[in-house]
Amino acid sequence: MADWGPVVIAVVLFILLMPGLLIQIPGNSRVVEFGNLQTSGKSILVHTIIYFGLLTIFLIAIGVHIYAG
């Protein structure tokens, strides 16, 4: 049986934390901007750190597992 937990969590977090799609931290003119569909180098770095932090928490600390029957 394959463990699909890491794959599903990684894909969902990647989609939700894409800079500029839902939220951009830091924004171009404000600290937080919503749905502007733009990005910058700083926001890519911040979103990458948040992504790997949440991915580590979900996969190692919590241990999410999804098994396909």
Protein backbone atom coordinates (compact mmCIF):
# COMPACT_ATOMS: atom_id res chain seq x y z
CA MET A 1 0.00 0.00 0.00
CA ALA A 2 1.28 3.43 -0.93
CA ASP A 3 1.27 6.29 1.53
CA TRP A 4 -0.28 9.29 -0.26
CA GLY A 5 -0.25 11.61 2.78
CA PRO A 6 2.98 13.44 1.95
CA VAL A 7 1.96 13.90 -1.69
CA VAL A 8 -1.50 15.27 -0.90
CA ILE A 9 -0.25 17.59 1.85
CA ALA A 10 2.59 18.92 -0.33
CA VAL A 11 0.30 19.62 -3.31
CA VAL A 12 -2.39 21.33 -1.22
CA LEU A 13 0.13 23.50 0.61
CA PHE A 14 1.87 24.39 -2.66
CA ILE A 15 -1.39 25.55 -4.21
CA LEU A 16 -2.51 27.50 -1.13
CA LEU A 17 0.86 29.13 -0.47
CA MET A 18 1.67 30.21 -4.03
CA PRO A 19 2.75 33.87 -3.70
CA GLY A 20 0.11 36.17 -5.13
CA LEU A 21 -2.64 33.58 -5.65
CA LEU A 22 -4.52 33.97 -2.36
CA ILE A 23 -2.14 36.04 -0.27
CA GLN A 24 1.24 37.72 -0.69
CA ILE A 25 3.52 38.34 2.30
CA PRO A 26 5.23 40.89 2.02
CA GLY A 27 3.20 42.69 -0.62
CA ASN A 28 4.46 45.27 -3.07
CA SER A 29 2.80 48.25 -1.39
CA ARG A 30 1.53 46.78 1.93
CA VAL A 31 2.70 44.08 4.31
CA VAL A 32 -0.08 41.67 3.27
CA GLU A 33 -1.91 41.77 -0.06
CA PHE A 34 -4.75 39.50 -1.12
CA GLY A 35 -5.28 38.07 -4.61
CA ASN A 36 -3.07 40.47 -6.55
CA LEU A 37 -1.51 37.72 -8.76
CA GLN A 38 1.93 39.37 -8.52
CA THR A 39 5.08 38.24 -6.79
CA SER A 40 8.53 39.42 -5.75
CA GLY A 41 11.76 37.83 -4.59
CA LYS A 42 11.03 38.62 -0.95
CA SER A 43 7.56 37.08 -1.08
CA ILE A 44 8.93 33.93 -2.74
CA LEU A 45 11.45 33.56 0.09
CA VAL A 46 8.83 34.12 2.82
CA HIS A 47 6.33 31.73 1.23
CA THR A 48 9.06 29.08 0.80
CA ILE A 49 9.97 29.26 4.49
CA ILE A 50 6.29 29.04 5.50
CA TYR A 51 5.73 26.12 3.08
CA PHE A 52 8.60 24.01 4.40
CA GLY A 53 7.72 24.85 8.00
CA LEU A 54 4.11 23.72 7.59
CA LEU A 55 5.15 20.68 5.53
CA THR A 56 7.55 19.63 8.29
CA ILE A 57 4.89 20.07 10.95
CA PHE A 58 2.28 18.06 9.04
CA LEU A 59 4.58 15.24 7.94
CA ILE A 60 6.99 14.79 10.84
CA ALA A 61 5.32 16.21 13.94
CA ILE A 62 1.73 15.19 13.22
CA GLY A 63 2.47 12.27 10.87
CA VAL A 64 -0.33 12.52 8.31
CA HIS A 65 -0.85 9.23 6.42
CA ILE A 66 -3.33 8.45 3.64
CA TYR A 67 -3.34 4.88 2.33
CA ALA A 68 -4.90 3.88 -0.98
CA GLY A 69 -6.71 0.59 -0.75
